[in-house]
Amino acid sequence: MVLLAGCVQTPDRITTVAYDLNTFSDRVDSDEDCQNTLAQMLIAASTEPAVMRRSGCTVAEGAWLDPYTGRTFYDAADVQIDQLVPLA
């Protein structure tokens, strides 16, 4: 289990807040279409139509532009999506 602590600043003090990073999973399929959050984000972010694996549940290929390097990735396995989670 990974626990991270963040700081919340209030007018009179700073309070430490702990949260479990595992609470924020990319493996959730909230609409039950077999595509988890990661697959749906890859589909949405691809600049070309995404190619799905045979099951139709995971992404195999697409075109994802890295805004920091200008490089385009075509293999979904090469793409990592970071989650931004507010500490409080």
C-alpha atoms as a PDB file:
ATOM      1  CA  MET A   1       0.000   0.000   0.000  1.00  0.00           C
ATOM      2  CA  VAL A   2       1.291   3.439  -0.893  1.00  0.00           C
ATOM      3  CA  LEU A   3       0.328   6.276   1.379  1.00  0.00           C
ATOM      4  CA  LEU A   4       1.217   9.792   0.465  1.00  0.00           C
ATOM      5  CA  ALA A   5       0.826  12.817   2.665  1.00  0.00           C
ATOM      6  CA  GLY A   6      -0.060  16.258   1.455  1.00  0.00           C
ATOM      7  CA  CYS A   7      -0.389  19.602   3.112  1.00  0.00           C
ATOM      8  CA  VAL A   8      -3.515  21.675   3.318  1.00  0.00           C
ATOM      9  CA  GLN A   9      -2.972  25.309   4.140  1.00  0.00           C
ATOM     10  CA  THR A  10      -5.663  27.013   6.175  1.00  0.00           C
ATOM     11  CA  PRO A  11      -5.555  30.606   7.360  1.00  0.00           C
ATOM     12  CA  ASP A  12      -4.121  29.694  10.767  1.00  0.00           C
ATOM     13  CA  ARG A  13      -2.217  26.423  10.203  1.00  0.00           C
ATOM     14  CA  ILE A  14      -0.995  23.768   7.793  1.00  0.00           C
ATOM     15  CA  THR A  15      -2.647  20.357   8.251  1.00  0.00           C
ATOM     16  CA  THR A  16      -1.193  17.084   6.969  1.00  0.00           C
ATOM     17  CA  VAL A  17      -3.649  14.873   5.089  1.00  0.00           C
ATOM     18  CA  ALA A  18      -2.911  11.232   4.197  1.00  0.00           C
ATOM     19  CA  TYR A  19      -4.499   9.459   1.244  1.00  0.00           C
ATOM     20  CA  ASP A  20      -4.052   6.132  -0.478  1.00  0.00           C
ATOM     21  CA  LEU A  21      -2.861   6.475  -4.092  1.00  0.00           C
ATOM     22  CA  ASN A  22      -4.414   3.088  -4.878  1.00  0.00           C
ATOM     23  CA  THR A  23      -7.845   4.655  -4.346  1.00  0.00           C
ATOM     24  CA  PHE A  24      -7.432   6.328  -7.741  1.00  0.00           C
ATOM     25  CA  SER A  25      -7.326   3.427 -10.167  1.00  0.00           C
ATOM     26  CA  ASP A  26      -7.243   3.442 -13.968  1.00  0.00           C
ATOM     27  CA  ARG A  27      -8.821  -0.020 -13.936  1.00  0.00           C
ATOM     28  CA  VAL A  28     -12.386   1.156 -13.265  1.00  0.00           C
ATOM     29  CA  ASP A  29     -15.052   0.374 -15.882  1.00  0.00           C
ATOM     30  CA  SER A  30     -17.870   2.540 -14.547  1.00  0.00           C
ATOM     31  CA  ASP A  31     -20.075   2.277 -17.659  1.00  0.00           C
ATOM     32  CA  GLU A  32     -19.518  -1.508 -17.923  1.00  0.00           C
ATOM     33  CA  ASP A  33     -18.567  -1.480 -21.630  1.00  0.00           C
ATOM     34  CA  CYS A  34     -15.380  -3.545 -20.910  1.00  0.00           C
ATOM     35  CA  GLN A  35     -13.142  -0.489 -21.498  1.00  0.00           C
ATOM     36  CA  ASN A  36     -11.530   0.767 -18.311  1.00  0.00           C
ATOM     37  CA  THR A  37     -10.615   4.385 -17.670  1.00  0.00           C
ATOM     38  CA  LEU A  38      -7.142   3.942 -19.160  1.00  0.00           C
ATOM     39  CA  ALA A  39      -8.552   2.558 -22.422  1.00  0.00           C
ATOM     40  CA  GLN A  40     -11.125   5.339 -22.639  1.00  0.00           C
ATOM     41  CA  MET A  41      -8.466   8.007 -22.052  1.00  0.00           C
ATOM     42  CA  LEU A  42      -6.220   6.491 -24.744  1.00  0.00           C
ATOM     43  CA  ILE A  43      -9.133   6.459 -27.198  1.00  0.00           C
ATOM     44  CA  ALA A  44     -10.039  10.073 -26.400  1.00  0.00           C
ATOM     45  CA  ALA A  45      -6.457  11.370 -26.578  1.00  0.00           C
ATOM     46  CA  SER A  46      -5.444   9.642 -29.810  1.00  0.00           C
ATOM     47  CA  THR A  47      -5.127  12.002 -32.775  1.00  0.00           C
ATOM     48  CA  GLU A  48      -6.027   9.104 -35.101  1.00  0.00           C
ATOM     49  CA  PRO A  49      -8.753   6.480 -34.627  1.00  0.00           C
ATOM     50  CA  ALA A  50      -7.542   4.042 -31.988  1.00  0.00           C
ATOM     51  CA  VAL A  51      -7.085   0.387 -32.985  1.00  0.00           C
ATOM     52  CA  MET A  52      -8.474  -1.979 -30.383  1.00  0.00           C
ATOM     53  CA  ARG A  53      -7.195  -5.428 -29.503  1.00  0.00           C
ATOM     54  CA  ARG A  54      -9.337  -8.395 -30.571  1.00  0.00           C
ATOM     55  CA  SER A  55     -11.402  -8.290 -27.355  1.00  0.00           C
ATOM     56  CA  GLY A  56     -12.406  -4.685 -28.057  1.00  0.00           C
ATOM     57  CA  CYS A  57     -11.613  -3.808 -24.460  1.00  0.00           C
ATOM     58  CA  THR A  58      -8.032  -2.524 -24.656  1.00  0.00           C
ATOM     59  CA  VAL A  59      -6.214  -0.224 -27.049  1.00  0.00           C
ATOM     60  CA  ALA A  60      -3.396  -1.577 -29.214  1.00  0.00           C
ATOM     61  CA  GLU A  61      -2.482   1.390 -31.405  1.00  0.00           C
ATOM     62  CA  GLY A  62      -3.267   5.026 -32.019  1.00  0.00           C
ATOM     63  CA  ALA A  63      -1.326   8.269 -32.274  1.00  0.00           C
ATOM     64  CA  TRP A  64      -0.469  10.179 -29.118  1.00  0.00           C
ATOM     65  CA  LEU A  65       1.520  13.410 -29.193  1.00  0.00           C
ATOM     66  CA  ASP A  66       3.817  14.089 -26.254  1.00  0.00           C
ATOM     67  CA  PRO A  67       3.421  17.842 -25.669  1.00  0.00           C
ATOM     68  CA  TYR A  68       6.795  18.030 -23.895  1.00  0.00           C
ATOM     69  CA  THR A  69       9.004  16.424 -26.560  1.00  0.00           C
ATOM     70  CA  GLY A  70       6.859  16.759 -29.685  1.00  0.00           C
ATOM     71  CA  ARG A  71       7.289  13.015 -30.244  1.00  0.00           C
ATOM     72  CA  THR A  72       4.318  10.920 -31.416  1.00  0.00           C
ATOM     73  CA  PHE A  73       3.769   7.430 -29.996  1.00  0.00           C
ATOM     74  CA  TYR A  74       1.850   4.801 -31.961  1.00  0.00           C
ATOM     75  CA  ASP A  75       1.965   1.768 -29.623  1.00  0.00           C
ATOM     76  CA  ALA A  76      -0.431   2.078 -26.667  1.00  0.00           C
ATOM     77  CA  ALA A  77       2.023   0.143 -24.494  1.00  0.00           C
ATOM     78  CA  ASP A  78       4.459   3.057 -24.827  1.00  0.00           C
ATOM     79  CA  VAL A  79       1.974   5.602 -23.435  1.00  0.00           C
ATOM     80  CA  GLN A  80       1.616   6.318 -19.737  1.00  0.00           C
ATOM     81  CA  ILE A  81      -1.173   8.514 -18.434  1.00  0.00           C
ATOM     82  CA  ASP A  82      -0.525  10.266 -15.143  1.00  0.00           C
ATOM     83  CA  GLN A  83      -3.341  10.983 -12.763  1.00  0.00           C
ATOM     84  CA  LEU A  84      -3.490  14.351 -11.074  1.00  0.00           C
ATOM     85  CA  VAL A  85      -5.046  14.000  -7.650  1.00  0.00           C
ATOM     86  CA  PRO A  86      -5.500  17.009  -5.388  1.00  0.00           C
ATOM     87  CA  LEU A  87      -4.163  16.425  -1.908  1.00  0.00           C
ATOM     88  CA  ALA A  88      -7.276  17.886  -0.336  1.00  0.00           C
END
